[in-house]
Protein backbone atom coordinates (compact mmCIF):
# COMPACT_ATOMS: atom_id res chain seq x y z
CA UNK A 1 -27.52 -17.66 17.36
CA UNK A 2 -27.78 -17.08 21.19
CA UNK A 3 -24.71 -15.21 22.82
CA UNK A 4 -22.74 -12.88 20.80
CA UNK A 5 -19.76 -14.43 19.00
CA UNK A 6 -16.14 -13.70 20.01
CA UNK A 7 -14.19 -12.82 16.85
CA UNK A 8 -10.54 -11.96 16.21
CA UNK A 9 -9.78 -9.88 13.27
CA UNK A 10 -6.05 -9.92 12.19
CA UNK A 11 -5.29 -6.52 10.51
CA UNK A 12 -6.61 -3.11 11.17
CA UNK A 13 -6.68 -1.70 7.73
CA UNK A 14 -9.90 -0.83 5.98
CA UNK A 15 -10.91 -4.50 5.41
CA UNK A 16 -10.34 -5.41 9.04
CA UNK A 17 -12.23 -2.30 10.33
CA UNK A 18 -15.12 -2.84 7.98
CA UNK A 19 -15.35 -6.52 9.09
CA UNK A 20 -15.32 -5.49 12.61
CA UNK A 21 -17.99 -2.80 12.14
CA UNK A 22 -20.20 -5.31 10.47
CA UNK A 23 -19.77 -7.78 13.30
CA UNK A 24 -20.58 -5.16 15.83
CA UNK A 25 -23.67 -4.01 14.21
CA UNK A 26 -26.77 -5.49 16.07
CA UNK A 27 -24.47 -6.94 18.77
CA UNK A 28 -23.63 -9.99 16.58
CA UNK A 29 -20.21 -10.17 17.91
CA UNK A 30 -17.55 -8.77 20.23
CA UNK A 31 -14.33 -8.14 18.33
CA UNK A 32 -10.63 -7.98 18.99
CA UNK A 33 -8.66 -6.32 16.26
CA UNK A 34 -4.84 -7.39 16.14
CA UNK A 35 -2.24 -5.57 14.32
CA UNK A 36 1.62 -6.13 14.38
CA UNK A 37 1.90 -2.28 14.43
CA UNK A 38 1.14 -0.05 17.49
CA UNK A 39 -0.97 2.11 15.06
CA UNK A 40 -4.21 0.99 13.15
CA UNK A 41 -5.55 1.61 9.66
CA UNK A 42 -2.89 -0.26 7.54
CA UNK A 43 -2.60 1.10 4.09
CA UNK A 44 -4.68 4.08 4.52
CA UNK A 45 -1.94 5.29 6.79
CA UNK A 46 1.04 3.76 5.10
CA UNK A 47 -0.04 3.22 1.60
CA UNK A 48 -2.21 6.11 0.43
CA UNK A 49 -0.13 9.09 -0.73
CA UNK A 50 0.26 11.68 1.88
CA UNK A 51 -0.69 14.50 -0.47
CA UNK A 52 -4.18 12.69 -1.13
CA UNK A 53 -5.79 14.33 1.73
CA UNK A 54 -9.43 13.32 1.04
CA UNK A 55 -8.51 9.64 0.78
CA UNK A 56 -6.35 9.70 3.95
CA UNK A 57 -9.47 11.32 5.76
CA UNK A 58 -11.05 7.85 5.52
CA UNK A 59 -8.95 7.36 8.68
CA UNK A 60 -11.29 9.65 10.69
CA UNK A 61 -14.22 7.42 9.63
CA UNK A 62 -12.40 4.17 10.61
CA UNK A 63 -11.33 5.73 13.93
CA UNK A 64 -14.93 6.16 14.99
CA UNK A 65 -15.47 2.40 14.94
CA UNK A 66 -13.34 2.27 18.10
CA UNK A 67 -15.95 4.21 19.94
CA UNK A 68 -18.46 1.51 19.59
CA UNK A 69 -18.99 -0.97 22.49
CA UNK A 70 -17.59 -4.48 22.08
CA UNK A 71 -14.42 -3.75 20.23
CA UNK A 72 -10.72 -3.75 21.23
CA UNK A 73 -7.55 -2.86 19.63
CA UNK A 74 -4.70 -5.22 20.27
CA UNK A 75 -1.79 -3.61 18.63
CA UNK A 76 1.91 -4.36 18.68
CA UNK A 77 1.17 -8.04 18.39
CA UNK A 78 2.39 -10.09 15.49
CA UNK A 79 0.10 -13.11 14.54
CA UNK A 80 2.11 -15.94 13.54
CA UNK A 81 5.03 -14.99 15.68
CA UNK A 82 3.81 -13.67 19.09
CA UNK A 83 0.60 -15.67 18.87
CA UNK A 84 -0.18 -18.30 16.31
CA UNK A 85 -3.31 -18.58 14.25
CA UNK A 86 -4.23 -22.00 15.89
CA UNK A 87 -4.08 -20.08 19.24
CA UNK A 88 -6.36 -17.56 18.20
CA UNK A 89 -8.74 -20.15 16.97
CA UNK A 90 -8.52 -21.82 20.41
CA UNK A 91 -9.51 -18.61 22.13
CA UNK A 92 -12.18 -17.09 19.72
CA UNK A 93 -15.21 -18.53 18.02
CA UNK A 94 -13.93 -17.26 14.63
CA UNK A 95 -10.94 -15.53 13.20
CA UNK A 96 -10.80 -13.24 10.13
CA UNK A 97 -7.55 -12.60 8.32
CA UNK A 98 -7.39 -9.11 6.77
CA UNK A 99 -3.66 -8.46 6.94
CA UNK A 100 -3.41 -7.42 3.37
CA UNK A 101 -0.71 -7.85 0.71
CA UNK A 102 2.48 -6.16 1.88
CA UNK A 103 5.03 -7.66 -0.47
CA UNK A 104 5.96 -6.48 -3.84
CA UNK A 105 6.39 -8.38 -7.21
CA UNK A 106 9.86 -8.73 -8.66
CA UNK A 107 10.75 -7.72 -12.17
CA UNK A 108 12.73 -11.07 -12.62
CA UNK A 109 15.53 -9.30 -14.47
CA UNK A 110 19.33 -9.45 -14.05
CA UNK A 111 20.90 -6.93 -11.65
CA UNK A 112 17.52 -6.34 -9.84
CA UNK A 113 19.28 -6.99 -6.54
CA UNK A 114 21.63 -3.95 -6.92
CA UNK A 115 21.45 -1.20 -4.29
CA UNK A 116 19.18 1.53 -5.62
CA UNK A 117 16.54 -0.87 -7.05
CA UNK A 118 13.51 -1.19 -4.67
CA UNK A 119 10.01 -2.07 -4.52
CA UNK A 120 7.37 0.44 -4.27
CA UNK A 121 6.27 -0.99 -1.12
CA UNK A 122 9.55 -0.11 0.42
CA UNK A 123 9.65 3.37 -0.95
CA UNK A 124 6.05 4.09 -0.12
CA UNK A 125 6.52 2.78 3.51
CA UNK A 126 9.60 5.14 3.99
CA UNK A 127 7.82 8.35 2.77
CA UNK A 128 4.68 7.42 4.83
CA UNK A 129 6.55 6.89 7.90
CA UNK A 130 6.28 3.26 8.46
CA UNK A 131 8.15 1.97 11.40
CA UNK A 132 9.73 -0.85 9.32
CA UNK A 133 11.08 1.35 6.60
CA UNK A 134 14.79 1.33 5.84
CA UNK A 135 15.53 4.91 6.75
CA UNK A 136 19.28 4.59 6.83
CA UNK A 137 19.24 3.60 3.10
CA UNK A 138 16.73 6.18 1.71
CA UNK A 139 18.21 9.01 3.79
CA UNK A 140 21.73 8.44 2.76
CA UNK A 141 21.12 7.32 -0.81
CA UNK A 142 18.51 9.63 -2.22
CA UNK A 143 20.37 12.87 -1.95
CA UNK A 144 23.04 11.32 -4.19
CA UNK A 145 20.95 10.68 -7.26
CA UNK A 146 19.96 12.72 -10.29
CA UNK A 147 17.96 10.17 -12.40
CA UNK A 148 15.04 7.95 -11.24
CA UNK A 149 12.65 5.41 -12.87
CA UNK A 150 9.37 3.91 -11.96
CA UNK A 151 8.21 0.80 -13.48
CA UNK A 152 4.47 0.48 -13.90
CA UNK A 153 1.46 2.04 -15.34
CA UNK A 154 -0.69 2.14 -12.11
CA UNK A 155 -1.72 4.59 -9.52
CA UNK A 156 1.07 3.70 -7.12
CA UNK A 157 3.65 4.35 -9.92
CA UNK A 158 2.11 7.69 -10.35
CA UNK A 159 2.17 8.42 -6.65
CA UNK A 160 5.81 7.45 -6.34
CA UNK A 161 6.82 9.69 -9.38
CA UNK A 162 4.65 12.55 -8.10
CA UNK A 163 6.29 12.42 -4.66
CA UNK A 164 9.65 12.49 -6.16
CA UNK A 165 8.79 15.42 -8.47
CA UNK A 166 7.25 17.67 -5.93
CA UNK A 167 8.94 20.62 -4.34
CA UNK A 168 9.13 20.92 -0.51
CA UNK A 169 6.45 23.70 -0.72
CA UNK A 170 4.06 21.26 -2.55
CA UNK A 171 4.56 18.62 0.37
CA UNK A 172 4.48 21.19 3.18
CA UNK A 173 0.77 20.49 4.25
CA UNK A 174 1.20 16.78 4.30
CA UNK A 175 1.82 14.62 7.46
CA UNK A 176 5.10 13.05 6.15
CA UNK A 177 7.76 12.73 8.91
CA UNK A 178 10.32 15.57 9.19
CA UNK A 179 13.28 13.34 8.18
CA UNK A 180 11.42 12.45 4.98
CA UNK A 181 10.81 16.10 4.17
CA UNK A 182 14.51 16.96 4.66
CA UNK A 183 15.66 14.08 2.55
CA UNK A 184 13.26 14.87 -0.30
CA UNK A 185 14.28 18.53 -0.12
CA UNK A 186 17.87 17.62 -0.55
CA UNK A 187 17.40 15.68 -3.69
CA UNK A 188 18.62 17.00 -7.01
CA UNK A 189 16.59 15.10 -9.47
CA UNK A 190 16.79 16.19 -12.99
CA UNK A 191 14.81 13.30 -14.70
CA UNK A 192 12.18 10.85 -13.57
CA UNK A 193 11.06 8.04 -16.00
CA UNK A 194 7.89 6.19 -15.74
CA UNK A 195 8.25 2.84 -17.77
CA UNK A 196 5.18 0.87 -19.06
CA UNK A 197 5.29 -2.10 -21.41
CA UNK A 198 1.92 -1.28 -22.85
CA UNK A 199 0.36 1.80 -24.21
CA UNK A 200 -1.69 4.73 -22.79
CA UNK A 201 -5.03 2.89 -23.45
CA UNK A 202 -3.91 -0.02 -21.40
CA UNK A 203 -2.66 1.79 -18.32
CA UNK A 204 -4.54 1.18 -15.04
CA UNK A 205 -4.02 4.60 -13.30
CA UNK A 206 -7.13 6.77 -12.85
CA UNK A 207 -7.51 9.90 -14.72
CA UNK A 208 -7.56 11.92 -11.60
CA UNK A 209 -4.12 10.67 -10.39
CA UNK A 210 -2.71 11.03 -13.88
CA UNK A 211 -3.70 14.57 -14.43
CA UNK A 212 -1.96 15.49 -11.04
CA UNK A 213 1.37 14.97 -12.93
CA UNK A 214 0.49 17.77 -15.21
CA UNK A 215 -0.11 20.10 -12.06
CA UNK A 216 3.42 19.88 -10.61
CA UNK A 217 4.93 23.23 -9.88
CA UNK A 218 8.32 22.70 -11.39
CA UNK A 219 8.54 19.36 -13.04
CA UNK A 220 7.18 19.01 -16.64
CA UNK A 221 5.76 15.92 -18.17
CA UNK A 222 7.22 14.93 -21.58
CA UNK A 223 5.78 11.85 -23.40
CA UNK A 224 8.34 9.79 -25.43
CA UNK A 225 6.69 9.26 -28.79
CA UNK A 226 8.56 6.18 -29.83
CA UNK A 227 6.18 3.27 -30.51
CA UNK A 228 2.98 5.30 -30.18
CA UNK A 229 2.25 5.16 -34.01
CA UNK A 230 0.52 1.86 -33.40
CA UNK A 231 -3.36 2.50 -33.00
CA UNK A 232 -3.49 -0.39 -30.47
CA UNK A 233 -1.59 1.69 -28.06
CA UNK A 234 -4.39 4.47 -28.11
CA UNK A 235 -7.60 2.80 -28.99
CA UNK A 236 -9.92 1.70 -26.12
CA UNK A 237 -13.51 1.01 -25.59
CA UNK A 238 -13.28 2.02 -21.84
CA UNK A 239 -14.34 5.54 -20.97
CA UNK A 240 -11.87 5.92 -18.26
CA UNK A 241 -9.19 4.59 -20.45
CA UNK A 242 -10.03 7.26 -23.06
CA UNK A 243 -9.89 10.02 -20.69
CA UNK A 244 -6.30 8.81 -19.87
CA UNK A 245 -5.45 8.85 -23.56
CA UNK A 246 -6.77 12.25 -23.95
CA UNK A 247 -4.60 13.51 -21.08
CA UNK A 248 -1.51 12.00 -22.57
CA UNK A 249 -2.27 13.27 -26.12
CA UNK A 250 -2.59 16.78 -24.55
CA UNK A 251 0.83 16.54 -22.90
CA UNK A 252 2.32 15.52 -26.37
CA UNK A 253 1.19 18.84 -27.75
CA UNK A 254 2.90 20.89 -25.02
CA UNK A 255 6.26 22.60 -25.82
CA UNK A 256 9.15 21.26 -23.93
CA UNK A 257 10.73 23.57 -21.31
CA UNK A 258 14.00 23.69 -19.42
CA UNK A 259 13.98 22.24 -15.92
CA UNK A 260 13.25 18.96 -14.14
CA UNK A 261 11.47 16.45 -16.42
CA UNK A 262 8.99 13.61 -15.80
CA UNK A 263 9.42 11.32 -18.87
CA UNK A 264 6.43 8.93 -19.88
CA UNK A 265 7.74 5.78 -21.71
CA UNK A 266 4.96 3.49 -23.20
CA UNK A 267 5.66 0.27 -25.01
CA UNK A 268 8.94 0.10 -23.03
CA UNK A 269 10.05 -2.61 -20.55
CA UNK A 270 13.17 -3.04 -18.48
CA UNK A 271 15.29 -5.99 -19.24
CA UNK A 272 18.30 -5.58 -17.02
CA UNK A 273 19.85 -3.40 -14.46
CA UNK A 274 23.61 -2.63 -14.31
CA UNK A 275 26.08 -0.76 -12.11
CA UNK A 276 29.26 -1.43 -10.33
CA UNK A 277 28.27 -0.46 -6.74
CA UNK A 278 24.61 0.51 -7.11
CA UNK A 279 22.12 0.96 -10.00
CA UNK A 280 23.57 3.14 -12.69
CA UNK A 281 21.90 2.06 -15.98
CA UNK A 282 18.52 0.53 -16.71
CA UNK A 283 18.43 -1.18 -20.00
CA UNK A 284 15.05 -0.95 -21.70
CA UNK A 285 13.49 -2.83 -24.59
CA UNK A 286 10.85 -1.29 -27.06
CA UNK A 287 7.80 -3.54 -27.47
CA UNK A 288 4.96 -3.38 -29.96
CA UNK A 289 1.47 -4.97 -30.52
CA UNK A 290 0.99 -7.94 -32.60
CA UNK A 291 -2.11 -8.47 -34.83
CA UNK A 292 -3.62 -10.49 -32.04
CA UNK A 293 -3.04 -7.64 -29.39
CA UNK A 294 -0.21 -9.33 -27.53
CA UNK A 295 3.12 -7.69 -27.10
CA UNK A 296 6.47 -8.65 -28.88
CA UNK A 297 9.95 -7.19 -28.91
CA UNK A 298 11.05 -4.78 -31.52
CA UNK A 299 14.69 -5.62 -30.88
CA UNK A 300 15.37 -1.94 -30.04
CA UNK A 301 17.26 -1.55 -26.84
CA UNK A 302 18.02 1.71 -24.94
CA UNK A 303 20.29 2.39 -21.98
CA UNK A 304 18.69 4.97 -19.60
CA UNK A 305 20.99 6.59 -16.82
CA UNK A 306 19.11 5.85 -13.60
CA UNK A 307 20.55 5.62 -10.09
CA UNK A 308 17.18 4.83 -8.41
CA UNK A 309 14.80 2.33 -9.76
CA UNK A 310 11.35 1.63 -8.21
CA UNK A 311 9.33 -1.36 -9.39
CA UNK A 312 5.61 -0.81 -9.04
CA UNK A 313 4.09 -3.87 -10.80
CA UNK A 314 1.89 -5.07 -8.05
CA UNK A 315 1.51 -6.31 -4.47
CA UNK A 316 1.19 -9.80 -3.16
CA UNK A 317 0.40 -11.45 0.01
CA UNK A 318 2.31 -13.78 2.18
CA UNK A 319 1.14 -16.80 4.04
CA UNK A 320 0.65 -17.70 7.63
CA UNK A 321 1.69 -21.04 9.24
CA UNK A 322 -1.21 -23.49 9.10
CA UNK A 323 -3.30 -21.46 6.76
CA UNK A 324 -3.97 -22.68 3.06
CA UNK A 325 -2.16 -20.27 0.70
CA UNK A 326 -1.85 -20.04 -3.12
CA UNK A 327 1.86 -18.87 -3.71
CA UNK A 328 0.92 -18.10 -7.52
CA UNK A 329 -1.87 -15.58 -6.59
CA UNK A 330 -0.40 -14.47 -3.29
CA UNK A 331 -3.64 -14.99 -1.59
CA UNK A 332 -5.21 -17.54 0.87
CA UNK A 333 -7.26 -20.37 -0.42
CA UNK A 334 -10.95 -19.71 0.35
CA UNK A 335 -14.44 -19.99 -0.93
CA UNK A 336 -16.48 -16.86 -0.48
CA UNK A 337 -14.12 -15.73 2.30
CA UNK A 338 -14.30 -18.98 4.08
CA UNK A 339 -10.93 -20.82 4.38
CA UNK A 340 -12.59 -23.36 6.68
CA UNK A 341 -15.47 -22.95 9.22
CA UNK A 342 -13.99 -20.68 12.01
CA UNK A 343 -11.27 -19.17 9.78
CA UNK A 344 -12.08 -16.60 7.09
CA UNK A 345 -10.39 -13.84 5.04
CA UNK A 346 -11.23 -10.38 3.62
CA UNK A 347 -9.51 -7.76 1.66
CA UNK A 348 -6.35 -8.02 -0.39
CA UNK A 349 -5.23 -11.38 1.37
CA UNK A 350 -8.56 -12.81 0.09
CA UNK A 351 -8.83 -11.39 -3.44
CA UNK A 352 -5.54 -9.94 -4.18
CA UNK A 353 -4.53 -6.27 -4.65
CA UNK A 354 -7.55 -4.71 -6.51
CA UNK A 355 -10.08 -2.26 -6.14
CA UNK A 356 -10.34 1.03 -4.08
CA UNK A 357 -10.77 1.46 -0.32
CA UNK A 358 -14.63 1.26 -0.66
CA UNK A 359 -14.30 -2.06 -2.44
CA UNK A 360 -13.00 -3.51 0.98
CA UNK A 361 -16.22 -2.65 2.64
CA UNK A 362 -18.30 -4.78 0.23
CA UNK A 363 -15.78 -7.44 0.46
CA UNK A 364 -15.67 -7.58 4.21
CA UNK A 365 -19.44 -7.66 4.42
CA UNK A 366 -19.48 -10.72 2.11
CA UNK A 367 -16.94 -12.51 4.31
CA UNK A 368 -18.90 -11.73 7.47
CA UNK A 369 -22.03 -13.23 5.80
CA UNK A 370 -20.14 -16.46 5.38
CA UNK A 371 -18.97 -16.36 8.99
CA UNK A 372 -22.52 -15.87 10.23
CA UNK A 373 -24.00 -18.52 8.06
CA UNK A 374 -21.36 -21.05 9.57
CA UNK A 375 -22.39 -19.83 13.01
CA UNK A 376 -26.09 -20.20 12.20
CA UNK A 377 -25.44 -23.77 10.90
CA UNK A 378 -23.59 -24.70 14.22
CA UNK A 379 -20.26 -25.16 12.36
CA UNK A 380 -18.14 -22.95 14.70
CA UNK A 381 -16.29 -24.30 17.69
CA UNK A 382 -16.59 -22.26 20.93
CA UNK A 383 -13.40 -20.53 21.87
CA UNK A 384 -12.05 -20.84 25.40
CA UNK A 385 -12.37 -17.11 26.29
CA UNK A 386 -10.37 -14.10 26.70
CA UNK A 387 -6.78 -14.08 25.38
CA UNK A 388 -5.42 -11.60 27.89
CA UNK A 389 -3.93 -14.39 29.98
CA UNK A 390 -1.93 -15.66 27.08
CA UNK A 391 -0.70 -12.21 26.12
CA UNK A 392 0.28 -11.53 29.75
CA UNK A 393 2.16 -14.88 30.03
CA UNK A 394 4.17 -14.00 26.92
CA UNK A 395 4.99 -10.54 28.25
CA UNK A 396 3.60 -8.91 25.10
CA UNK A 397 3.49 -5.05 25.32
CA UNK A 398 0.01 -4.41 23.82
CA UNK A 399 -1.20 -1.21 22.54
CA UNK A 400 -4.90 -0.53 23.23
CA UNK A 401 -7.35 2.00 21.87
CA UNK A 402 -6.19 4.38 24.64
CA UNK A 403 -2.55 4.03 23.52
CA UNK A 404 -3.48 4.75 19.95
CA UNK A 405 -5.38 7.91 21.02
CA UNK A 406 -2.16 9.04 22.91
CA UNK A 407 -0.16 8.49 19.76
CA UNK A 408 -2.86 10.22 17.73
CA UNK A 409 -2.65 13.38 19.96
CA UNK A 410 1.19 13.25 20.01
CA UNK A 411 1.24 13.48 16.24
CA UNK A 412 -1.29 16.31 16.12
CA UNK A 413 0.68 18.19 18.76
CA UNK A 414 3.83 17.66 16.68
CA UNK A 415 2.17 18.85 13.53
CA UNK A 416 0.92 22.03 15.15
CA UNK A 417 4.51 22.87 15.89
CA UNK A 418 5.02 22.96 12.09
CA UNK A 419 1.69 24.61 11.38
CA UNK A 420 0.21 21.45 9.94
CA UNK A 421 -2.69 19.10 11.09
CA UNK A 422 -0.47 16.18 11.83
CA UNK A 423 3.14 14.84 11.54
CA UNK A 424 3.68 11.10 11.38
CA UNK A 425 5.87 9.68 14.07
CA UNK A 426 7.73 6.62 12.64
CA UNK A 427 9.91 5.18 15.35
CA UNK A 428 8.46 1.95 16.74
CA UNK A 429 10.01 2.29 20.15
CA UNK A 430 8.77 6.08 20.44
CA UNK A 431 5.26 4.92 19.31
CA UNK A 432 5.20 2.16 21.90
CA UNK A 433 6.42 4.43 24.69
CA UNK A 434 3.78 7.19 23.94
CA UNK A 435 1.26 4.54 23.92
CA UNK A 436 2.26 3.17 27.22
CA UNK A 437 1.86 6.50 28.85
CA UNK A 438 -1.59 6.83 27.34
CA UNK A 439 -2.43 3.55 28.84
CA UNK A 440 -1.87 4.65 32.46
């Protein structure tokens, strides 16, 4: 292929970092990794639950990629706003979009817009310390509630419920910001409900995550038995689903105790949200399996007192100007990661929100193969060169690897004051200021 390619990667989460690593191997390319935030690593930092230390440690592996020659971090730059995709394509031989799926899916029910009804993306962003999180709302509202509900039967729903249910002592070793710790500690939750329209056999959470609910220090798990007489709610041919079923059955045999309770409701779906000023009631409808395995309404309706409702029914991507996008799937339009020669995608914006972190490595490698095949076939246009001049012309305050290292050190130093490994700094201006000092 001759001289190394010059590639821009948009997004510094696992997919972007794995794509960059694959391009760097064998000096196939030099890579500039762009991110709208001044901190890299995407959902590994802002999506993985802060009490899942082993998964969050993936950040250390991704961080080592910055030590390789031929890669730069260009943080605090929003592609599609500060710099367009077309401008990237003018400057680079190829562009790989890996900016993920950051929007949540709505329930589509009346009252969903009431204050107190939020997407899991928003709540997770807040407790993980994302700079864009609505701190004012969560920190003023959460201490006022006693009842919460989470809609969904996946791992994110379990994460949300678990974080709400944990005591301050259980969260002590995590890297969540101090303001999040203080807010969660001030909550007086008595009941947390997890609502799922299907049965235990159809839930998509992993057994490890599910079992963690039964290990909470103070909050007990109680399974609502209504509707679970139907065999279809329990029967599964999948081993992982069978393990989930066994966990749920075990909880049903436990005696109920006094104290905070996490209620699991299967075959239950929300149909409306009501309240005068904020969410106060979630109306749910019982469902049942038909002979064909589909779901039907039983006509039974129940009102649950809930002041905080978190919908966790999936993520979806958003489009960028000039990039073919499928609104129905929330992904870019591509074939094998190729949107068109010179423009590619990897990760959730390519395939949707599925798989684990490791899935993104295989996915990114496959996209890079498409890119290199196009390069080998002479289908890529040669970029005009370094984008630094455009960045300087627009007065963009870029965060480099040196800036990120300064932020990393500041968070570790802050954590040491609290006797923990790290405490997340969430304020955007503070992060950029720390980074700027590290750039000098």
